[in-house]
N, C-alpha and C. Protein backbone atom coordinates (compact mmCIF):
# COMPACT_ATOMS: atom_id res chain seq x y z
N MET A 1 -11.08 -39.53 1.69
CA MET A 1 -9.76 -39.58 1.09
C MET A 1 -9.84 -39.19 -0.38
N ALA A 2 -8.90 -38.36 -0.84
CA ALA A 2 -8.87 -37.99 -2.25
C ALA A 2 -8.11 -39.05 -3.02
N SER A 3 -8.46 -39.24 -4.26
CA SER A 3 -7.74 -40.19 -5.10
C SER A 3 -7.68 -39.65 -6.50
N SER A 4 -6.83 -40.27 -7.33
CA SER A 4 -6.68 -39.81 -8.70
C SER A 4 -7.96 -40.02 -9.49
N ASN A 5 -8.90 -40.85 -8.97
CA ASN A 5 -10.17 -41.08 -9.65
C ASN A 5 -11.27 -40.17 -9.15
N ASN A 6 -10.96 -39.35 -8.15
CA ASN A 6 -11.98 -38.46 -7.59
C ASN A 6 -11.34 -37.11 -7.34
N THR A 7 -11.26 -36.33 -8.41
CA THR A 7 -10.53 -35.07 -8.34
C THR A 7 -11.35 -33.94 -7.77
N GLY A 8 -12.63 -34.18 -7.46
CA GLY A 8 -13.47 -33.11 -6.97
C GLY A 8 -13.44 -32.92 -5.47
N ILE A 9 -12.87 -33.88 -4.74
CA ILE A 9 -12.85 -33.79 -3.28
C ILE A 9 -11.87 -32.71 -2.83
N PRO A 10 -12.29 -31.80 -1.95
CA PRO A 10 -11.38 -30.75 -1.48
C PRO A 10 -10.29 -31.30 -0.58
N LEU A 11 -9.11 -30.73 -0.71
CA LEU A 11 -7.96 -31.11 0.11
C LEU A 11 -7.57 -29.92 0.97
N LEU A 12 -7.43 -30.14 2.26
CA LEU A 12 -6.93 -29.11 3.15
C LEU A 12 -5.41 -29.25 3.22
N ILE A 13 -4.70 -28.27 2.69
CA ILE A 13 -3.24 -28.36 2.56
C ILE A 13 -2.58 -27.26 3.37
N THR A 14 -1.60 -27.65 4.16
CA THR A 14 -0.81 -26.71 4.96
C THR A 14 0.62 -26.72 4.47
N LEU A 15 1.18 -25.54 4.22
CA LEU A 15 2.58 -25.40 3.84
C LEU A 15 3.36 -24.91 5.05
N THR A 16 4.44 -25.61 5.37
CA THR A 16 5.30 -25.20 6.48
C THR A 16 6.74 -25.12 6.00
N ASP A 17 7.56 -24.34 6.70
CA ASP A 17 8.98 -24.33 6.37
C ASP A 17 9.67 -25.49 7.09
N ILE A 18 10.98 -25.62 6.91
CA ILE A 18 11.67 -26.78 7.46
C ILE A 18 11.71 -26.78 8.98
N SER A 19 11.43 -25.64 9.60
CA SER A 19 11.38 -25.58 11.06
C SER A 19 10.00 -25.97 11.60
N GLY A 20 9.04 -26.16 10.68
CA GLY A 20 7.68 -26.51 11.09
C GLY A 20 6.75 -25.32 11.22
N GLN A 21 7.27 -24.11 10.97
CA GLN A 21 6.43 -22.92 11.08
C GLN A 21 5.48 -22.85 9.88
N GLU A 22 4.21 -22.58 10.17
CA GLU A 22 3.21 -22.53 9.11
C GLU A 22 3.43 -21.31 8.22
N ILE A 23 3.41 -21.53 6.91
CA ILE A 23 3.53 -20.46 5.93
C ILE A 23 2.16 -20.03 5.45
N THR A 24 1.36 -20.99 5.06
CA THR A 24 -0.01 -20.73 4.64
C THR A 24 -0.77 -22.04 4.60
N LYS A 25 -2.08 -21.95 4.60
CA LYS A 25 -2.90 -23.15 4.42
C LYS A 25 -4.18 -22.76 3.71
N GLY A 26 -4.79 -23.73 3.07
CA GLY A 26 -6.01 -23.45 2.34
C GLY A 26 -6.58 -24.73 1.77
N THR A 27 -7.65 -24.57 1.01
CA THR A 27 -8.34 -25.71 0.42
C THR A 27 -8.16 -25.68 -1.09
N TRP A 28 -7.70 -26.79 -1.64
CA TRP A 28 -7.56 -26.97 -3.08
C TRP A 28 -8.30 -28.23 -3.48
N HIS A 29 -8.66 -28.34 -4.74
CA HIS A 29 -9.32 -29.54 -5.24
C HIS A 29 -8.31 -30.43 -5.98
N GLY A 30 -8.65 -31.69 -6.07
CA GLY A 30 -7.73 -32.65 -6.66
C GLY A 30 -7.37 -32.39 -8.10
N HIS A 31 -8.24 -31.67 -8.83
CA HIS A 31 -7.93 -31.39 -10.23
C HIS A 31 -6.90 -30.28 -10.38
N CYS A 32 -6.57 -29.60 -9.28
CA CYS A 32 -5.57 -28.53 -9.33
C CYS A 32 -4.17 -29.13 -9.48
N LYS A 33 -3.26 -28.33 -10.00
CA LYS A 33 -1.86 -28.73 -10.11
C LYS A 33 -1.08 -28.19 -8.92
N ALA A 34 0.03 -28.85 -8.61
CA ALA A 34 0.88 -28.41 -7.50
C ALA A 34 1.43 -27.01 -7.74
N HIS A 35 1.43 -26.57 -9.00
CA HIS A 35 1.90 -25.22 -9.31
C HIS A 35 1.17 -24.16 -8.47
N GLU A 36 -0.11 -24.40 -8.17
CA GLU A 36 -0.86 -23.44 -7.37
C GLU A 36 -0.29 -23.33 -5.95
N LEU A 37 0.28 -24.42 -5.45
CA LEU A 37 0.89 -24.39 -4.13
C LEU A 37 2.21 -23.61 -4.17
N PHE A 38 2.95 -23.76 -5.26
CA PHE A 38 4.18 -22.98 -5.43
C PHE A 38 3.84 -21.49 -5.43
N GLN A 39 2.77 -21.12 -6.13
CA GLN A 39 2.35 -19.72 -6.16
C GLN A 39 2.03 -19.21 -4.77
N ALA A 40 1.34 -20.03 -3.98
CA ALA A 40 0.99 -19.63 -2.62
C ALA A 40 2.24 -19.41 -1.77
N ALA A 41 3.24 -20.26 -1.97
CA ALA A 41 4.49 -20.12 -1.22
C ALA A 41 5.23 -18.85 -1.66
N TYR A 42 5.30 -18.61 -2.97
CA TYR A 42 6.01 -17.44 -3.48
C TYR A 42 5.44 -16.14 -2.91
N LYS A 43 4.12 -16.09 -2.75
CA LYS A 43 3.50 -14.87 -2.26
C LYS A 43 3.91 -14.55 -0.83
N SER A 44 4.32 -15.57 -0.09
CA SER A 44 4.72 -15.34 1.29
C SER A 44 6.13 -14.77 1.39
N LYS A 45 6.95 -14.99 0.33
CA LYS A 45 8.32 -14.47 0.33
C LYS A 45 8.67 -14.01 -1.08
N PRO A 46 8.28 -12.79 -1.45
CA PRO A 46 8.58 -12.29 -2.79
C PRO A 46 10.08 -12.33 -3.07
N GLY A 47 10.42 -12.75 -4.30
CA GLY A 47 11.82 -12.79 -4.70
C GLY A 47 12.52 -14.09 -4.38
N PHE A 48 11.82 -15.04 -3.77
CA PHE A 48 12.41 -16.33 -3.42
C PHE A 48 11.87 -17.42 -4.35
N LEU A 49 12.67 -18.44 -4.59
CA LEU A 49 12.23 -19.66 -5.25
C LEU A 49 12.24 -20.79 -4.22
N CYS A 50 11.50 -21.86 -4.49
CA CYS A 50 11.44 -22.94 -3.51
C CYS A 50 11.16 -24.27 -4.18
N LYS A 51 11.29 -25.34 -3.41
CA LYS A 51 10.78 -26.64 -3.80
C LYS A 51 9.85 -27.12 -2.70
N LEU A 52 8.93 -28.02 -3.07
CA LEU A 52 7.95 -28.55 -2.12
C LEU A 52 8.22 -30.03 -1.89
N LEU A 53 8.18 -30.43 -0.63
CA LEU A 53 8.39 -31.83 -0.28
C LEU A 53 7.13 -32.41 0.36
N HIS A 54 6.75 -33.60 -0.11
CA HIS A 54 5.68 -34.37 0.52
C HIS A 54 6.37 -35.54 1.20
N GLY A 55 6.64 -35.39 2.49
CA GLY A 55 7.54 -36.32 3.16
C GLY A 55 8.94 -36.07 2.65
N SER A 56 9.57 -37.09 2.06
CA SER A 56 10.89 -36.92 1.47
C SER A 56 10.83 -36.79 -0.05
N GLU A 57 9.61 -36.83 -0.60
CA GLU A 57 9.43 -36.80 -2.05
C GLU A 57 9.27 -35.36 -2.54
N GLU A 58 10.09 -34.97 -3.52
CA GLU A 58 9.97 -33.64 -4.10
C GLU A 58 8.82 -33.62 -5.09
N MET A 59 7.99 -32.59 -5.00
CA MET A 59 6.82 -32.48 -5.86
C MET A 59 7.12 -31.67 -7.11
N SER A 60 6.63 -32.15 -8.24
CA SER A 60 6.72 -31.42 -9.49
C SER A 60 5.56 -30.43 -9.59
N PRO A 61 5.79 -29.25 -10.16
CA PRO A 61 4.68 -28.30 -10.34
C PRO A 61 3.55 -28.86 -11.20
N GLN A 62 3.86 -29.86 -12.04
CA GLN A 62 2.84 -30.42 -12.93
C GLN A 62 1.98 -31.49 -12.25
N ARG A 63 2.31 -31.86 -11.04
CA ARG A 63 1.62 -32.97 -10.38
C ARG A 63 0.18 -32.62 -10.02
N ASP A 64 -0.75 -33.56 -10.27
CA ASP A 64 -2.14 -33.39 -9.84
C ASP A 64 -2.22 -33.57 -8.33
N LEU A 65 -2.94 -32.69 -7.65
CA LEU A 65 -3.04 -32.79 -6.20
C LEU A 65 -3.83 -34.03 -5.77
N ALA A 66 -4.68 -34.54 -6.65
CA ALA A 66 -5.43 -35.75 -6.31
C ALA A 66 -4.51 -36.93 -6.03
N SER A 67 -3.30 -36.90 -6.61
CA SER A 67 -2.37 -38.02 -6.43
C SER A 67 -1.81 -38.08 -5.01
N LEU A 68 -2.05 -37.04 -4.21
CA LEU A 68 -1.59 -37.07 -2.82
C LEU A 68 -2.39 -38.07 -1.99
N CYS A 69 -3.61 -38.39 -2.45
CA CYS A 69 -4.46 -39.42 -1.83
C CYS A 69 -4.70 -39.17 -0.34
N GLN A 70 -4.83 -37.92 0.04
CA GLN A 70 -5.14 -37.57 1.42
C GLN A 70 -6.06 -36.36 1.42
N SER A 71 -6.93 -36.29 2.42
CA SER A 71 -7.80 -35.12 2.55
C SER A 71 -7.12 -34.00 3.32
N PHE A 72 -6.15 -34.38 4.18
CA PHE A 72 -5.40 -33.40 4.96
C PHE A 72 -3.92 -33.63 4.66
N VAL A 73 -3.27 -32.60 4.11
CA VAL A 73 -1.90 -32.76 3.64
C VAL A 73 -1.02 -31.66 4.23
N ARG A 74 0.17 -32.05 4.68
CA ARG A 74 1.16 -31.09 5.14
C ARG A 74 2.39 -31.21 4.25
N LEU A 75 2.78 -30.10 3.63
CA LEU A 75 3.93 -30.08 2.73
C LEU A 75 4.99 -29.15 3.29
N THR A 76 6.25 -29.49 3.02
CA THR A 76 7.37 -28.68 3.51
C THR A 76 7.92 -27.83 2.37
N VAL A 77 8.07 -26.54 2.64
CA VAL A 77 8.65 -25.60 1.68
C VAL A 77 10.13 -25.45 1.99
N VAL A 78 10.97 -25.71 1.00
CA VAL A 78 12.41 -25.52 1.14
C VAL A 78 12.80 -24.36 0.24
N TRP A 79 13.23 -23.27 0.84
CA TRP A 79 13.59 -22.08 0.06
C TRP A 79 14.93 -22.30 -0.61
N LEU A 80 14.99 -22.03 -1.92
CA LEU A 80 16.19 -22.30 -2.70
C LEU A 80 17.03 -21.06 -2.93
N SER A 81 16.42 -19.91 -3.00
CA SER A 81 17.18 -18.69 -3.27
C SER A 81 16.47 -17.52 -2.65
N GLY A 82 17.22 -16.45 -2.49
CA GLY A 82 16.68 -15.26 -1.86
C GLY A 82 17.09 -15.22 -0.41
N ASP A 83 17.74 -14.17 0.00
CA ASP A 83 18.20 -14.05 1.38
C ASP A 83 17.87 -12.68 1.94
N GLY A 84 16.83 -12.06 1.35
CA GLY A 84 16.48 -10.72 1.79
C GLY A 84 17.32 -9.65 1.12
N GLN A 85 18.24 -10.07 0.24
CA GLN A 85 19.11 -9.13 -0.45
C GLN A 85 18.71 -9.06 -1.92
N GLU A 86 19.22 -8.04 -2.60
CA GLU A 86 18.97 -7.94 -4.03
C GLU A 86 19.76 -9.02 -4.77
N ARG A 87 19.17 -9.53 -5.87
CA ARG A 87 19.84 -10.51 -6.72
C ARG A 87 20.01 -9.91 -8.10
N LEU A 88 21.21 -10.03 -8.64
CA LEU A 88 21.58 -9.34 -9.88
C LEU A 88 21.64 -10.32 -11.04
N VAL A 89 21.08 -9.91 -12.18
CA VAL A 89 21.12 -10.69 -13.41
C VAL A 89 21.65 -9.78 -14.51
N ALA A 90 22.47 -10.33 -15.41
CA ALA A 90 23.01 -9.55 -16.53
C ALA A 90 22.69 -10.25 -17.84
N THR A 91 22.63 -9.47 -18.93
CA THR A 91 22.58 -10.09 -20.25
C THR A 91 23.92 -10.76 -20.51
N HIS A 92 23.97 -11.63 -21.52
CA HIS A 92 25.19 -12.39 -21.79
C HIS A 92 26.38 -11.49 -22.10
N HIS A 93 26.11 -10.32 -22.67
CA HIS A 93 27.20 -9.40 -23.01
C HIS A 93 27.47 -8.39 -21.88
N SER A 94 26.71 -8.51 -20.80
CA SER A 94 26.88 -7.64 -19.62
C SER A 94 26.79 -6.16 -19.95
N ARG A 95 25.91 -5.84 -20.90
CA ARG A 95 25.68 -4.43 -21.23
C ARG A 95 24.42 -3.89 -20.57
N ALA A 96 23.65 -4.79 -19.95
CA ALA A 96 22.45 -4.39 -19.23
C ALA A 96 22.28 -5.30 -18.02
N PHE A 97 21.64 -4.76 -16.98
CA PHE A 97 21.50 -5.50 -15.73
C PHE A 97 20.08 -5.36 -15.20
N ALA A 98 19.66 -6.37 -14.45
CA ALA A 98 18.37 -6.34 -13.76
C ALA A 98 18.59 -6.90 -12.36
N ALA A 99 17.99 -6.26 -11.37
CA ALA A 99 18.11 -6.72 -9.99
C ALA A 99 16.73 -6.97 -9.41
N ILE A 100 16.55 -8.15 -8.80
CA ILE A 100 15.33 -8.44 -8.06
C ILE A 100 15.55 -7.97 -6.63
N LYS A 101 14.71 -7.06 -6.17
CA LYS A 101 14.85 -6.55 -4.81
C LYS A 101 14.12 -7.45 -3.82
N SER A 102 14.39 -7.24 -2.55
CA SER A 102 13.83 -8.10 -1.51
C SER A 102 12.31 -8.03 -1.44
N ASP A 103 11.70 -6.97 -2.00
CA ASP A 103 10.24 -6.87 -2.00
C ASP A 103 9.61 -7.45 -3.26
N GLY A 104 10.43 -8.10 -4.12
CA GLY A 104 9.91 -8.71 -5.33
C GLY A 104 9.79 -7.79 -6.52
N SER A 105 10.27 -6.55 -6.38
CA SER A 105 10.27 -5.62 -7.52
C SER A 105 11.59 -5.76 -8.28
N VAL A 106 11.63 -5.17 -9.48
CA VAL A 106 12.82 -5.26 -10.34
C VAL A 106 13.25 -3.87 -10.77
N VAL A 107 14.55 -3.63 -10.73
CA VAL A 107 15.13 -2.40 -11.28
C VAL A 107 16.13 -2.80 -12.35
N THR A 108 16.26 -1.96 -13.39
CA THR A 108 17.15 -2.26 -14.51
C THR A 108 17.99 -1.04 -14.86
N TRP A 109 19.14 -1.30 -15.47
CA TRP A 109 20.00 -0.22 -15.94
C TRP A 109 20.97 -0.77 -16.99
N GLY A 110 21.63 0.14 -17.70
CA GLY A 110 22.57 -0.26 -18.74
C GLY A 110 22.05 0.11 -20.12
N ASP A 111 22.52 -0.59 -21.14
CA ASP A 111 22.14 -0.31 -22.53
C ASP A 111 20.63 -0.47 -22.69
N ALA A 112 19.96 0.62 -23.06
CA ALA A 112 18.50 0.61 -23.14
C ALA A 112 17.99 -0.39 -24.17
N ASP A 113 18.73 -0.57 -25.26
CA ASP A 113 18.29 -1.46 -26.33
C ASP A 113 18.47 -2.93 -25.97
N GLU A 114 19.22 -3.21 -24.92
CA GLU A 114 19.50 -4.60 -24.54
C GLU A 114 18.86 -4.98 -23.21
N GLY A 115 17.89 -4.18 -22.77
CA GLY A 115 17.18 -4.52 -21.55
C GLY A 115 17.43 -3.60 -20.38
N GLY A 116 18.29 -2.60 -20.57
CA GLY A 116 18.57 -1.67 -19.48
C GLY A 116 17.42 -0.72 -19.19
N ASP A 117 16.50 -0.61 -20.13
CA ASP A 117 15.32 0.25 -19.97
C ASP A 117 14.08 -0.63 -19.92
N SER A 118 13.47 -0.74 -18.75
CA SER A 118 12.26 -1.56 -18.59
C SER A 118 11.02 -0.70 -18.36
N SER A 119 11.10 0.59 -18.73
CA SER A 119 10.00 1.51 -18.44
C SER A 119 8.69 1.09 -19.09
N ARG A 120 8.76 0.39 -20.23
CA ARG A 120 7.55 -0.05 -20.92
C ARG A 120 6.73 -1.02 -20.07
N VAL A 121 7.41 -1.79 -19.23
CA VAL A 121 6.71 -2.80 -18.40
C VAL A 121 6.93 -2.54 -16.91
N GLU A 122 7.40 -1.35 -16.58
CA GLU A 122 7.75 -1.04 -15.20
C GLU A 122 6.59 -1.28 -14.23
N HIS A 123 5.36 -0.97 -14.66
CA HIS A 123 4.21 -1.13 -13.78
C HIS A 123 3.95 -2.59 -13.43
N ARG A 124 4.47 -3.52 -14.23
CA ARG A 124 4.28 -4.94 -13.96
C ARG A 124 5.45 -5.54 -13.19
N LEU A 125 6.45 -4.73 -12.90
CA LEU A 125 7.64 -5.22 -12.21
C LEU A 125 7.76 -4.64 -10.80
N GLN A 126 6.64 -4.18 -10.26
CA GLN A 126 6.67 -3.54 -8.95
C GLN A 126 6.60 -4.52 -7.79
N GLU A 127 6.16 -5.76 -8.06
CA GLU A 127 6.05 -6.74 -6.98
C GLU A 127 5.90 -8.14 -7.57
N GLY A 128 6.16 -9.14 -6.74
CA GLY A 128 5.85 -10.52 -7.09
C GLY A 128 6.80 -11.22 -8.04
N VAL A 129 7.93 -10.62 -8.38
CA VAL A 129 8.87 -11.27 -9.30
C VAL A 129 9.71 -12.29 -8.53
N VAL A 130 9.77 -13.52 -9.06
CA VAL A 130 10.55 -14.58 -8.39
C VAL A 130 11.74 -15.04 -9.22
N GLN A 131 11.76 -14.70 -10.52
CA GLN A 131 12.88 -15.10 -11.36
C GLN A 131 13.05 -14.08 -12.48
N VAL A 132 14.30 -13.73 -12.77
CA VAL A 132 14.63 -12.93 -13.95
C VAL A 132 15.74 -13.65 -14.70
N VAL A 133 15.56 -13.79 -16.01
CA VAL A 133 16.54 -14.46 -16.87
C VAL A 133 16.95 -13.50 -17.97
N GLY A 134 18.24 -13.42 -18.24
CA GLY A 134 18.72 -12.60 -19.34
C GLY A 134 19.27 -13.48 -20.46
N ASN A 135 19.03 -13.07 -21.71
CA ASN A 135 19.74 -13.72 -22.81
C ASN A 135 20.75 -12.70 -23.35
N GLY A 136 21.06 -12.72 -24.63
CA GLY A 136 22.04 -11.79 -25.14
C GLY A 136 21.58 -10.35 -25.18
N LEU A 137 20.26 -10.14 -25.41
CA LEU A 137 19.78 -8.79 -25.66
C LEU A 137 18.45 -8.46 -24.98
N ALA A 138 17.97 -9.31 -24.09
CA ALA A 138 16.66 -9.07 -23.48
C ALA A 138 16.57 -9.78 -22.14
N PHE A 139 15.48 -9.47 -21.42
CA PHE A 139 15.21 -10.11 -20.13
C PHE A 139 13.79 -10.67 -20.12
N ALA A 140 13.59 -11.69 -19.30
CA ALA A 140 12.25 -12.23 -19.03
C ALA A 140 12.12 -12.43 -17.53
N ALA A 141 11.00 -12.00 -16.98
CA ALA A 141 10.74 -12.13 -15.54
C ALA A 141 9.52 -13.02 -15.32
N VAL A 142 9.63 -13.93 -14.36
CA VAL A 142 8.51 -14.78 -13.96
C VAL A 142 7.97 -14.25 -12.63
N LYS A 143 6.66 -14.06 -12.56
CA LYS A 143 6.04 -13.57 -11.34
C LYS A 143 5.41 -14.71 -10.55
N SER A 144 5.08 -14.42 -9.32
CA SER A 144 4.53 -15.45 -8.43
C SER A 144 3.18 -15.97 -8.90
N ASP A 145 2.49 -15.23 -9.76
CA ASP A 145 1.22 -15.71 -10.30
C ASP A 145 1.40 -16.55 -11.56
N GLY A 146 2.67 -16.82 -11.94
CA GLY A 146 2.95 -17.65 -13.10
C GLY A 146 2.95 -16.92 -14.42
N SER A 147 2.87 -15.60 -14.40
CA SER A 147 2.91 -14.81 -15.63
C SER A 147 4.35 -14.44 -15.96
N VAL A 148 4.58 -14.03 -17.22
CA VAL A 148 5.91 -13.66 -17.69
C VAL A 148 5.88 -12.27 -18.29
N ILE A 149 6.88 -11.46 -17.96
CA ILE A 149 7.04 -10.12 -18.51
C ILE A 149 8.38 -10.07 -19.22
N THR A 150 8.42 -9.47 -20.41
CA THR A 150 9.67 -9.39 -21.17
C THR A 150 9.95 -7.96 -21.59
N TRP A 151 11.24 -7.66 -21.77
CA TRP A 151 11.66 -6.36 -22.27
C TRP A 151 13.06 -6.48 -22.85
N GLY A 152 13.46 -5.48 -23.63
CA GLY A 152 14.75 -5.51 -24.31
C GLY A 152 14.54 -5.54 -25.81
N ASP A 153 15.49 -6.08 -26.55
CA ASP A 153 15.40 -6.15 -28.01
C ASP A 153 14.19 -6.99 -28.41
N SER A 154 13.26 -6.38 -29.13
CA SER A 154 11.99 -7.04 -29.42
C SER A 154 12.16 -8.29 -30.28
N GLY A 155 13.15 -8.30 -31.17
CA GLY A 155 13.35 -9.44 -32.05
C GLY A 155 14.13 -10.57 -31.42
N LYS A 156 14.68 -10.32 -30.24
CA LYS A 156 15.52 -11.32 -29.58
C LYS A 156 14.92 -11.79 -28.26
N GLY A 157 13.61 -11.64 -28.11
CA GLY A 157 12.94 -12.13 -26.92
C GLY A 157 12.35 -11.07 -26.03
N GLY A 158 12.63 -9.80 -26.34
CA GLY A 158 12.12 -8.72 -25.51
C GLY A 158 10.64 -8.42 -25.73
N ASP A 159 10.07 -8.96 -26.80
CA ASP A 159 8.65 -8.79 -27.08
C ASP A 159 8.01 -10.16 -27.21
N SER A 160 7.21 -10.54 -26.21
CA SER A 160 6.55 -11.85 -26.21
C SER A 160 5.05 -11.71 -26.44
N SER A 161 4.61 -10.56 -26.97
CA SER A 161 3.18 -10.29 -27.10
C SER A 161 2.46 -11.31 -27.98
N ARG A 162 3.16 -11.88 -28.94
CA ARG A 162 2.54 -12.88 -29.82
C ARG A 162 2.10 -14.12 -29.04
N TYR A 163 2.78 -14.38 -27.93
CA TYR A 163 2.48 -15.57 -27.13
C TYR A 163 1.91 -15.21 -25.76
N GLU A 164 1.47 -13.97 -25.64
CA GLU A 164 1.02 -13.46 -24.33
C GLU A 164 -0.08 -14.31 -23.73
N HIS A 165 -0.98 -14.85 -24.57
CA HIS A 165 -2.09 -15.64 -24.05
C HIS A 165 -1.62 -16.91 -23.35
N ARG A 166 -0.39 -17.36 -23.66
CA ARG A 166 0.15 -18.56 -23.03
C ARG A 166 1.13 -18.24 -21.91
N LEU A 167 1.36 -16.95 -21.71
CA LEU A 167 2.33 -16.52 -20.70
C LEU A 167 1.68 -15.70 -19.59
N GLN A 168 0.35 -15.76 -19.50
CA GLN A 168 -0.37 -15.01 -18.48
C GLN A 168 -0.44 -15.74 -17.15
N GLU A 169 -0.28 -17.06 -17.19
CA GLU A 169 -0.35 -17.85 -15.96
C GLU A 169 0.29 -19.21 -16.22
N GLY A 170 0.62 -19.90 -15.13
CA GLY A 170 1.06 -21.28 -15.24
C GLY A 170 2.51 -21.50 -15.60
N VAL A 171 3.31 -20.45 -15.72
CA VAL A 171 4.73 -20.63 -16.05
C VAL A 171 5.51 -20.90 -14.77
N VAL A 172 6.34 -21.94 -14.79
CA VAL A 172 7.11 -22.30 -13.60
C VAL A 172 8.60 -22.03 -13.76
N GLN A 173 9.07 -21.87 -15.01
CA GLN A 173 10.49 -21.60 -15.22
C GLN A 173 10.70 -21.03 -16.61
N VAL A 174 11.69 -20.14 -16.74
CA VAL A 174 12.11 -19.61 -18.04
C VAL A 174 13.62 -19.78 -18.15
N VAL A 175 14.07 -20.19 -19.34
CA VAL A 175 15.50 -20.25 -19.63
C VAL A 175 15.75 -19.47 -20.91
N GLY A 176 16.97 -18.97 -21.05
CA GLY A 176 17.32 -18.20 -22.24
C GLY A 176 18.65 -18.66 -22.81
N ASN A 177 18.80 -18.54 -24.13
CA ASN A 177 20.11 -18.76 -24.74
C ASN A 177 20.59 -17.42 -25.29
N ALA A 178 21.22 -17.39 -26.43
CA ALA A 178 21.76 -16.13 -26.94
C ALA A 178 20.67 -15.12 -27.27
N TRP A 179 19.67 -15.55 -28.06
CA TRP A 179 18.68 -14.59 -28.56
C TRP A 179 17.25 -15.11 -28.47
N ALA A 180 16.97 -16.03 -27.59
CA ALA A 180 15.61 -16.57 -27.47
C ALA A 180 15.35 -17.02 -26.04
N PHE A 181 14.07 -17.27 -25.75
CA PHE A 181 13.66 -17.77 -24.44
C PHE A 181 12.74 -18.97 -24.61
N ALA A 182 12.70 -19.81 -23.58
CA ALA A 182 11.74 -20.91 -23.51
C ALA A 182 11.14 -20.92 -22.11
N ALA A 183 9.82 -21.06 -22.04
CA ALA A 183 9.12 -21.10 -20.76
C ALA A 183 8.46 -22.46 -20.59
N VAL A 184 8.64 -23.04 -19.41
CA VAL A 184 7.99 -24.31 -19.07
C VAL A 184 6.74 -24.00 -18.25
N ARG A 185 5.60 -24.55 -18.69
CA ARG A 185 4.34 -24.32 -18.01
C ARG A 185 4.00 -25.47 -17.07
N SER A 186 3.08 -25.22 -16.15
CA SER A 186 2.73 -26.21 -15.14
C SER A 186 2.07 -27.45 -15.74
N ASP A 187 1.54 -27.34 -16.97
CA ASP A 187 0.94 -28.51 -17.62
C ASP A 187 1.96 -29.31 -18.42
N GLY A 188 3.25 -28.90 -18.33
CA GLY A 188 4.31 -29.61 -19.02
C GLY A 188 4.60 -29.10 -20.41
N SER A 189 3.81 -28.16 -20.92
CA SER A 189 4.05 -27.61 -22.25
C SER A 189 5.15 -26.55 -22.20
N VAL A 190 5.70 -26.24 -23.38
CA VAL A 190 6.79 -25.28 -23.49
C VAL A 190 6.40 -24.20 -24.49
N VAL A 191 6.70 -22.96 -24.15
CA VAL A 191 6.45 -21.82 -25.03
C VAL A 191 7.79 -21.19 -25.37
N THR A 192 8.04 -20.92 -26.65
CA THR A 192 9.30 -20.30 -27.06
C THR A 192 9.04 -19.01 -27.83
N TRP A 193 9.98 -18.09 -27.74
CA TRP A 193 9.89 -16.84 -28.49
C TRP A 193 11.28 -16.23 -28.61
N GLY A 194 11.41 -15.29 -29.54
CA GLY A 194 12.70 -14.67 -29.81
C GLY A 194 13.14 -14.96 -31.24
N ASP A 195 14.44 -14.94 -31.48
CA ASP A 195 14.98 -15.19 -32.81
C ASP A 195 14.70 -16.63 -33.22
N SER A 196 13.99 -16.80 -34.34
CA SER A 196 13.57 -18.15 -34.76
C SER A 196 14.76 -19.04 -35.10
N ASP A 197 15.86 -18.45 -35.54
CA ASP A 197 17.05 -19.24 -35.88
C ASP A 197 17.84 -19.66 -34.64
N GLU A 198 17.49 -19.09 -33.50
CA GLU A 198 18.21 -19.38 -32.26
C GLU A 198 17.34 -20.14 -31.25
N GLY A 199 16.24 -20.72 -31.74
CA GLY A 199 15.38 -21.50 -30.85
C GLY A 199 14.08 -20.83 -30.48
N GLY A 200 13.83 -19.64 -31.02
CA GLY A 200 12.62 -18.93 -30.67
C GLY A 200 11.36 -19.46 -31.33
N ASN A 201 11.53 -20.33 -32.32
CA ASN A 201 10.38 -20.93 -33.02
C ASN A 201 10.45 -22.44 -32.87
N SER A 202 9.55 -22.99 -32.05
CA SER A 202 9.52 -24.44 -31.81
C SER A 202 8.35 -25.10 -32.50
N SER A 203 7.76 -24.44 -33.50
CA SER A 203 6.56 -24.97 -34.14
C SER A 203 6.80 -26.31 -34.83
N ARG A 204 8.02 -26.60 -35.22
CA ARG A 204 8.31 -27.85 -35.92
C ARG A 204 8.28 -29.05 -34.97
N VAL A 205 8.33 -28.80 -33.68
CA VAL A 205 8.30 -29.90 -32.71
C VAL A 205 7.06 -29.80 -31.84
């Protein structure tokens, strides 16, 4: 049996959908975070988001797998979005648009300076995108591997290169306001970028 005091014991975990059909299974160690299970689920359905249930309990991406206290675990995947169709996102001013396609790729159009031109990062938007968020002048995409890609107005969140080392993995959600973005990581930390006067600089907290 795995326990929170013994994070090295391997756990055999099976993910199933609500009908009981197996999605994937594999071995993880107790020191891993549940975020890795979310990634495994995302890879099975590009462009979809989900939640994980352990019985009736919803799991947080930040949860340590050792807390499951079982060597053999079955979790239920509940798909929250994605129906095999394209999903459309717009900037706040609706001058640029981004669509997540059913294969997890992204296409963009509209005002090039506000995110309508994603050619700079096009090679990273060909697959695995599960979320796209627009603010006033830029877009941010979260991929199934937990990385983040940004484009649009560089001063308003379209350039996240300064924080790239923290946005390469482990991101579970991104939100945007007028001119900035904030990313929540699987360890519970938050990364911000964009216009410092609009929330892009969180160094004071």
